[in-house]
Amino acid sequence: MKRALGSDSWMLFSARQTIASGTCDFAWRARFGPIGLIFVCDALEDGVARLDVMALRVIPIARTPPTPALAHGELRRYLAELTWAPTPFSPIHRFAGVSMARTSWWSVLGLAKALSKSSSP
């Protein structure tokens, strides 16, 4: 991760990402800075978009309010990140005898339809 757009130096960080296969949810959590003091959460959970930067996980440095524009961006990121979790696209994926692929496909198709309506003039 770069410290600034024009910077030549890079900053080490560690991150963990979780992607839901049955709903449009994901969470990317990263730590960086001296001994991981800075915490970033970029997420779409239960339909609520979130982008927070905190020190020591409790002191807010930057917090983006949940706006429709943020939700729109996080939904697009979820669709892009699905390549890392191909389970929703698997026609043979089953959990407890219920096909999750159909549910996931309908979620993704509904999301794509909503995105195309919201981005059209």
N, C-alpha and C. Protein backbone atom coordinates (compact mmCIF):
# COMPACT_ATOMS: atom_id res chain seq x y z
N MET A 1 0.85 -1.15 0.00
CA MET A 1 0.00 0.00 0.00
C MET A 1 0.91 1.23 0.00
N LYS A 2 0.56 2.21 -0.83
CA LYS A 2 1.35 3.45 -0.88
C LYS A 2 0.85 4.44 0.17
N ARG A 3 1.79 5.21 0.68
CA ARG A 3 1.42 6.24 1.67
C ARG A 3 0.61 7.36 1.03
N ALA A 4 0.93 7.71 -0.21
CA ALA A 4 0.23 8.75 -0.95
C ALA A 4 0.28 8.39 -2.43
N LEU A 5 -0.62 8.93 -3.23
CA LEU A 5 -0.68 8.58 -4.65
C LEU A 5 0.64 8.80 -5.37
N GLY A 6 1.31 9.90 -5.16
CA GLY A 6 2.55 10.20 -5.87
C GLY A 6 3.80 9.62 -5.23
N SER A 7 3.65 8.89 -4.15
CA SER A 7 4.80 8.37 -3.40
C SER A 7 5.45 7.19 -4.12
N ASP A 8 6.77 7.10 -3.96
CA ASP A 8 7.50 5.95 -4.51
C ASP A 8 7.66 4.84 -3.48
N SER A 9 7.42 5.15 -2.21
CA SER A 9 7.62 4.15 -1.15
C SER A 9 6.31 3.40 -0.86
N TRP A 10 6.49 2.19 -0.38
CA TRP A 10 5.36 1.33 -0.05
C TRP A 10 5.34 1.06 1.46
N MET A 11 4.15 0.81 1.99
CA MET A 11 3.98 0.52 3.40
C MET A 11 3.49 -0.92 3.55
N LEU A 12 4.10 -1.66 4.45
CA LEU A 12 3.65 -3.03 4.71
C LEU A 12 2.32 -3.02 5.45
N PHE A 13 1.47 -4.00 5.13
CA PHE A 13 0.21 -4.14 5.85
C PHE A 13 -0.20 -5.61 5.81
N SER A 14 -1.10 -5.97 6.68
CA SER A 14 -1.69 -7.31 6.63
C SER A 14 -3.20 -7.12 6.55
N ALA A 15 -3.86 -8.01 5.82
CA ALA A 15 -5.31 -7.87 5.63
C ALA A 15 -5.97 -9.23 5.58
N ARG A 16 -7.24 -9.23 5.88
CA ARG A 16 -8.06 -10.44 5.80
C ARG A 16 -9.38 -10.05 5.15
N GLN A 17 -9.82 -10.85 4.19
CA GLN A 17 -11.08 -10.58 3.51
C GLN A 17 -12.01 -11.76 3.66
N THR A 18 -13.27 -11.46 3.91
CA THR A 18 -14.32 -12.47 4.00
C THR A 18 -15.38 -12.12 2.96
N ILE A 19 -15.79 -13.13 2.17
CA ILE A 19 -16.80 -12.92 1.14
C ILE A 19 -17.91 -13.94 1.38
N ALA A 20 -19.14 -13.45 1.48
CA ALA A 20 -20.28 -14.35 1.67
C ALA A 20 -20.70 -14.93 0.32
N SER A 21 -21.12 -16.17 0.32
CA SER A 21 -21.54 -16.78 -0.95
C SER A 21 -23.05 -16.79 -1.11
N GLY A 22 -23.81 -16.62 -0.05
CA GLY A 22 -25.27 -16.66 -0.16
C GLY A 22 -25.92 -15.30 -0.10
N THR A 23 -25.16 -14.27 0.28
CA THR A 23 -25.67 -12.91 0.37
C THR A 23 -24.62 -11.97 -0.23
N CYS A 24 -25.01 -10.73 -0.45
CA CYS A 24 -24.07 -9.73 -1.00
C CYS A 24 -23.33 -9.06 0.15
N ASP A 25 -22.47 -9.79 0.82
CA ASP A 25 -21.70 -9.28 1.95
C ASP A 25 -20.22 -9.58 1.77
N PHE A 26 -19.38 -8.64 2.19
CA PHE A 26 -17.95 -8.88 2.25
C PHE A 26 -17.37 -7.96 3.32
N ALA A 27 -16.19 -8.30 3.80
CA ALA A 27 -15.47 -7.45 4.75
C ALA A 27 -13.98 -7.57 4.47
N TRP A 28 -13.31 -6.44 4.34
CA TRP A 28 -11.85 -6.38 4.18
C TRP A 28 -11.34 -5.61 5.37
N ARG A 29 -10.53 -6.27 6.18
CA ARG A 29 -9.97 -5.64 7.37
C ARG A 29 -8.46 -5.68 7.28
N ALA A 30 -7.83 -4.53 7.46
CA ALA A 30 -6.37 -4.43 7.33
C ALA A 30 -5.78 -3.72 8.54
N ARG A 31 -4.52 -4.04 8.80
CA ARG A 31 -3.74 -3.38 9.85
C ARG A 31 -2.44 -2.91 9.25
N PHE A 32 -2.01 -1.72 9.64
CA PHE A 32 -0.73 -1.22 9.16
C PHE A 32 -0.21 -0.19 10.15
N GLY A 33 0.93 0.39 9.81
CA GLY A 33 1.54 1.36 10.71
C GLY A 33 2.43 0.66 11.71
N PRO A 34 2.99 1.43 12.64
CA PRO A 34 3.87 0.83 13.64
C PRO A 34 3.12 -0.24 14.44
N ILE A 35 3.61 -1.45 14.39
CA ILE A 35 3.06 -2.64 15.06
C ILE A 35 1.55 -2.79 14.86
N GLY A 36 1.06 -2.39 13.69
CA GLY A 36 -0.35 -2.59 13.36
C GLY A 36 -1.32 -1.73 14.13
N LEU A 37 -0.93 -0.52 14.48
CA LEU A 37 -1.79 0.35 15.28
C LEU A 37 -2.98 0.91 14.51
N ILE A 38 -2.86 0.99 13.19
CA ILE A 38 -3.94 1.54 12.37
C ILE A 38 -4.76 0.40 11.79
N PHE A 39 -6.06 0.51 11.92
CA PHE A 39 -7.00 -0.53 11.49
C PHE A 39 -7.96 0.05 10.47
N VAL A 40 -8.17 -0.65 9.35
CA VAL A 40 -9.10 -0.21 8.30
C VAL A 40 -10.15 -1.29 8.10
N CYS A 41 -11.40 -0.89 8.00
CA CYS A 41 -12.48 -1.82 7.69
C CYS A 41 -13.25 -1.27 6.50
N ASP A 42 -13.28 -2.04 5.42
CA ASP A 42 -14.02 -1.71 4.21
C ASP A 42 -14.99 -2.86 4.03
N ALA A 43 -16.30 -2.60 4.18
CA ALA A 43 -17.24 -3.72 4.22
C ALA A 43 -18.61 -3.35 3.69
N LEU A 44 -19.32 -4.40 3.31
CA LEU A 44 -20.75 -4.33 3.01
C LEU A 44 -21.36 -5.48 3.80
N GLU A 45 -22.04 -5.16 4.88
CA GLU A 45 -22.60 -6.18 5.77
C GLU A 45 -24.06 -5.87 6.04
N ASP A 46 -24.92 -6.84 5.75
CA ASP A 46 -26.37 -6.67 5.93
C ASP A 46 -26.90 -5.45 5.18
N GLY A 47 -26.34 -5.18 4.00
CA GLY A 47 -26.79 -4.07 3.17
C GLY A 47 -26.25 -2.72 3.58
N VAL A 48 -25.41 -2.66 4.60
CA VAL A 48 -24.86 -1.40 5.08
C VAL A 48 -23.39 -1.31 4.67
N ALA A 49 -23.06 -0.25 3.94
CA ALA A 49 -21.68 -0.03 3.50
C ALA A 49 -20.90 0.66 4.62
N ARG A 50 -19.62 0.30 4.72
CA ARG A 50 -18.80 0.83 5.81
C ARG A 50 -17.37 1.02 5.33
N LEU A 51 -16.78 2.16 5.69
CA LEU A 51 -15.37 2.41 5.42
C LEU A 51 -14.84 3.23 6.60
N ASP A 52 -14.09 2.58 7.47
CA ASP A 52 -13.59 3.21 8.69
C ASP A 52 -12.08 3.03 8.80
N VAL A 53 -11.42 4.05 9.34
CA VAL A 53 -10.01 3.98 9.69
C VAL A 53 -9.91 4.35 11.16
N MET A 54 -9.29 3.47 11.96
CA MET A 54 -9.21 3.70 13.39
C MET A 54 -7.81 3.42 13.92
N ALA A 55 -7.46 4.09 14.98
CA ALA A 55 -6.22 3.81 15.69
C ALA A 55 -6.59 2.94 16.88
N LEU A 56 -5.81 1.89 17.09
CA LEU A 56 -6.04 0.95 18.20
C LEU A 56 -7.44 0.34 18.18
N ARG A 57 -8.10 0.34 17.01
CA ARG A 57 -9.44 -0.20 16.79
C ARG A 57 -10.55 0.53 17.54
N VAL A 58 -10.24 1.61 18.23
CA VAL A 58 -11.29 2.31 18.98
C VAL A 58 -11.31 3.82 18.73
N ILE A 59 -10.20 4.41 18.29
CA ILE A 59 -10.14 5.86 18.09
C ILE A 59 -10.36 6.15 16.60
N PRO A 60 -11.50 6.76 16.24
CA PRO A 60 -11.77 7.03 14.82
C PRO A 60 -10.81 8.06 14.24
N ILE A 61 -10.22 7.71 13.11
CA ILE A 61 -9.38 8.64 12.36
C ILE A 61 -10.19 9.17 11.17
N ALA A 62 -10.87 8.28 10.48
CA ALA A 62 -11.75 8.64 9.36
C ALA A 62 -12.92 7.66 9.35
N ARG A 63 -14.10 8.20 9.17
CA ARG A 63 -15.29 7.35 9.11
C ARG A 63 -16.18 7.90 8.00
N THR A 64 -16.47 7.08 7.02
CA THR A 64 -17.32 7.50 5.91
C THR A 64 -18.77 7.22 6.27
N PRO A 65 -19.63 8.23 6.18
CA PRO A 65 -21.04 7.98 6.49
C PRO A 65 -21.67 7.05 5.46
N PRO A 66 -22.60 6.20 5.88
CA PRO A 66 -23.23 5.26 4.94
C PRO A 66 -24.19 5.98 3.99
N THR A 67 -23.69 6.31 2.80
CA THR A 67 -24.49 6.99 1.78
C THR A 67 -24.84 6.03 0.66
N PRO A 68 -25.82 6.37 -0.17
CA PRO A 68 -26.12 5.53 -1.33
C PRO A 68 -24.92 5.37 -2.26
N ALA A 69 -24.11 6.42 -2.41
CA ALA A 69 -22.92 6.34 -3.27
C ALA A 69 -21.93 5.32 -2.73
N LEU A 70 -21.72 5.32 -1.41
CA LEU A 70 -20.81 4.34 -0.80
C LEU A 70 -21.36 2.93 -0.98
N ALA A 71 -22.67 2.74 -0.75
CA ALA A 71 -23.28 1.42 -0.93
C ALA A 71 -23.14 0.95 -2.38
N HIS A 72 -23.33 1.86 -3.32
CA HIS A 72 -23.20 1.53 -4.74
C HIS A 72 -21.78 1.05 -5.05
N GLY A 73 -20.79 1.76 -4.53
CA GLY A 73 -19.39 1.37 -4.74
C GLY A 73 -19.06 0.04 -4.09
N GLU A 74 -19.57 -0.20 -2.89
CA GLU A 74 -19.30 -1.47 -2.20
C GLU A 74 -19.99 -2.64 -2.90
N LEU A 75 -21.18 -2.42 -3.45
CA LEU A 75 -21.85 -3.48 -4.21
C LEU A 75 -21.05 -3.84 -5.46
N ARG A 76 -20.50 -2.83 -6.11
CA ARG A 76 -19.65 -3.10 -7.28
C ARG A 76 -18.39 -3.86 -6.86
N ARG A 77 -17.83 -3.49 -5.74
CA ARG A 77 -16.63 -4.20 -5.26
C ARG A 77 -16.99 -5.65 -4.96
N TYR A 78 -18.14 -5.89 -4.33
CA TYR A 78 -18.56 -7.26 -4.04
C TYR A 78 -18.61 -8.08 -5.33
N LEU A 79 -19.20 -7.53 -6.37
CA LEU A 79 -19.27 -8.26 -7.65
C LEU A 79 -17.88 -8.54 -8.20
N ALA A 80 -16.98 -7.58 -8.09
CA ALA A 80 -15.62 -7.78 -8.59
C ALA A 80 -14.87 -8.82 -7.76
N GLU A 81 -15.12 -8.86 -6.46
CA GLU A 81 -14.42 -9.78 -5.56
C GLU A 81 -14.94 -11.22 -5.66
N LEU A 82 -16.09 -11.43 -6.29
CA LEU A 82 -16.62 -12.79 -6.39
C LEU A 82 -15.69 -13.75 -7.12
N THR A 83 -14.75 -13.22 -7.90
CA THR A 83 -13.79 -14.12 -8.57
C THR A 83 -12.95 -14.88 -7.55
N TRP A 84 -12.79 -14.34 -6.34
CA TRP A 84 -12.02 -15.01 -5.29
C TRP A 84 -12.86 -16.06 -4.58
N ALA A 85 -14.17 -16.03 -4.75
CA ALA A 85 -15.06 -16.99 -4.09
C ALA A 85 -16.01 -17.55 -5.14
N PRO A 86 -15.56 -18.50 -5.94
CA PRO A 86 -16.38 -18.99 -7.05
C PRO A 86 -17.59 -19.83 -6.63
N THR A 87 -17.75 -20.12 -5.36
CA THR A 87 -18.86 -20.96 -4.91
C THR A 87 -20.22 -20.49 -5.42
N PRO A 88 -20.55 -19.19 -5.40
CA PRO A 88 -21.87 -18.79 -5.89
C PRO A 88 -22.11 -19.15 -7.35
N PHE A 89 -21.05 -19.34 -8.12
CA PHE A 89 -21.19 -19.64 -9.54
C PHE A 89 -21.16 -21.12 -9.85
N SER A 90 -20.97 -21.94 -8.83
CA SER A 90 -20.88 -23.38 -9.04
C SER A 90 -22.28 -24.00 -9.12
N PRO A 91 -22.61 -24.65 -10.24
CA PRO A 91 -23.95 -25.24 -10.36
C PRO A 91 -24.13 -26.48 -9.50
N ILE A 92 -23.05 -27.06 -8.98
CA ILE A 92 -23.19 -28.27 -8.18
C ILE A 92 -23.05 -28.02 -6.68
N HIS A 93 -22.87 -26.75 -6.30
CA HIS A 93 -22.69 -26.43 -4.88
C HIS A 93 -23.99 -26.69 -4.12
N ARG A 94 -23.92 -27.51 -3.10
CA ARG A 94 -25.09 -27.79 -2.26
C ARG A 94 -24.69 -27.71 -0.81
N PHE A 95 -25.60 -27.21 -0.01
CA PHE A 95 -25.38 -27.13 1.43
C PHE A 95 -26.65 -27.63 2.10
N ALA A 96 -26.53 -28.67 2.90
CA ALA A 96 -27.66 -29.26 3.61
C ALA A 96 -28.80 -29.61 2.64
N GLY A 97 -28.44 -30.08 1.44
CA GLY A 97 -29.43 -30.52 0.46
C GLY A 97 -30.12 -29.40 -0.29
N VAL A 98 -29.73 -28.15 -0.07
CA VAL A 98 -30.36 -27.02 -0.75
C VAL A 98 -29.32 -26.39 -1.67
N SER A 99 -29.70 -26.17 -2.91
CA SER A 99 -28.77 -25.56 -3.85
C SER A 99 -28.55 -24.09 -3.50
N MET A 100 -27.30 -23.75 -3.19
CA MET A 100 -26.97 -22.36 -2.88
C MET A 100 -26.73 -21.58 -4.17
N ALA A 101 -26.42 -22.28 -5.25
CA ALA A 101 -26.12 -21.59 -6.50
C ALA A 101 -27.32 -20.79 -6.98
N ARG A 102 -28.52 -21.36 -6.88
CA ARG A 102 -29.70 -20.64 -7.35
C ARG A 102 -29.91 -19.37 -6.53
N THR A 103 -29.82 -19.48 -5.21
CA THR A 103 -29.99 -18.32 -4.34
C THR A 103 -28.95 -17.25 -4.67
N SER A 104 -27.70 -17.67 -4.80
CA SER A 104 -26.63 -16.72 -5.07
C SER A 104 -26.80 -16.05 -6.43
N TRP A 105 -27.16 -16.86 -7.43
CA TRP A 105 -27.35 -16.28 -8.76
C TRP A 105 -28.46 -15.26 -8.75
N TRP A 106 -29.57 -15.56 -8.08
CA TRP A 106 -30.68 -14.60 -8.03
C TRP A 106 -30.25 -13.35 -7.29
N SER A 107 -29.43 -13.49 -6.24
CA SER A 107 -28.93 -12.31 -5.52
C SER A 107 -28.06 -11.46 -6.44
N VAL A 108 -27.16 -12.11 -7.16
CA VAL A 108 -26.25 -11.38 -8.05
C VAL A 108 -27.02 -10.76 -9.21
N LEU A 109 -27.97 -11.48 -9.80
CA LEU A 109 -28.74 -10.93 -10.90
C LEU A 109 -29.59 -9.74 -10.44
N GLY A 110 -30.19 -9.86 -9.27
CA GLY A 110 -30.96 -8.75 -8.72
C GLY A 110 -30.08 -7.55 -8.44
N LEU A 111 -28.89 -7.80 -7.94
CA LEU A 111 -27.94 -6.72 -7.66
C LEU A 111 -27.52 -6.04 -8.95
N ALA A 112 -27.19 -6.84 -9.97
CA ALA A 112 -26.78 -6.27 -11.26
C ALA A 112 -27.91 -5.44 -11.86
N LYS A 113 -29.14 -5.91 -11.74
CA LYS A 113 -30.29 -5.18 -12.26
C LYS A 113 -30.45 -3.85 -11.53
N ALA A 114 -30.31 -3.89 -10.19
CA ALA A 114 -30.43 -2.67 -9.40
C ALA A 114 -29.32 -1.68 -9.75
N LEU A 115 -28.10 -2.18 -9.93
CA LEU A 115 -26.98 -1.30 -10.29
C LEU A 115 -27.20 -0.66 -11.65
N SER A 116 -27.71 -1.42 -12.62
CA SER A 116 -27.90 -0.87 -13.95
C SER A 116 -29.01 0.19 -13.93
N LYS A 117 -30.05 0.01 -13.11
CA LYS A 117 -31.10 1.01 -13.01
C LYS A 117 -30.58 2.28 -12.34
N SER A 118 -29.77 2.12 -11.29
CA SER A 118 -29.29 3.29 -10.55
C SER A 118 -28.22 4.07 -11.31
N SER A 119 -27.54 3.42 -12.27
CA SER A 119 -26.49 4.14 -13.01
C SER A 119 -26.99 4.68 -14.34
N SER A 120 -28.22 4.33 -14.74
CA SER A 120 -28.74 4.87 -16.01
C SER A 120 -29.31 6.26 -15.78
N PRO A 121 -29.23 7.14 -16.79
CA PRO A 121 -29.67 8.54 -16.64
C PRO A 121 -31.16 8.68 -16.49
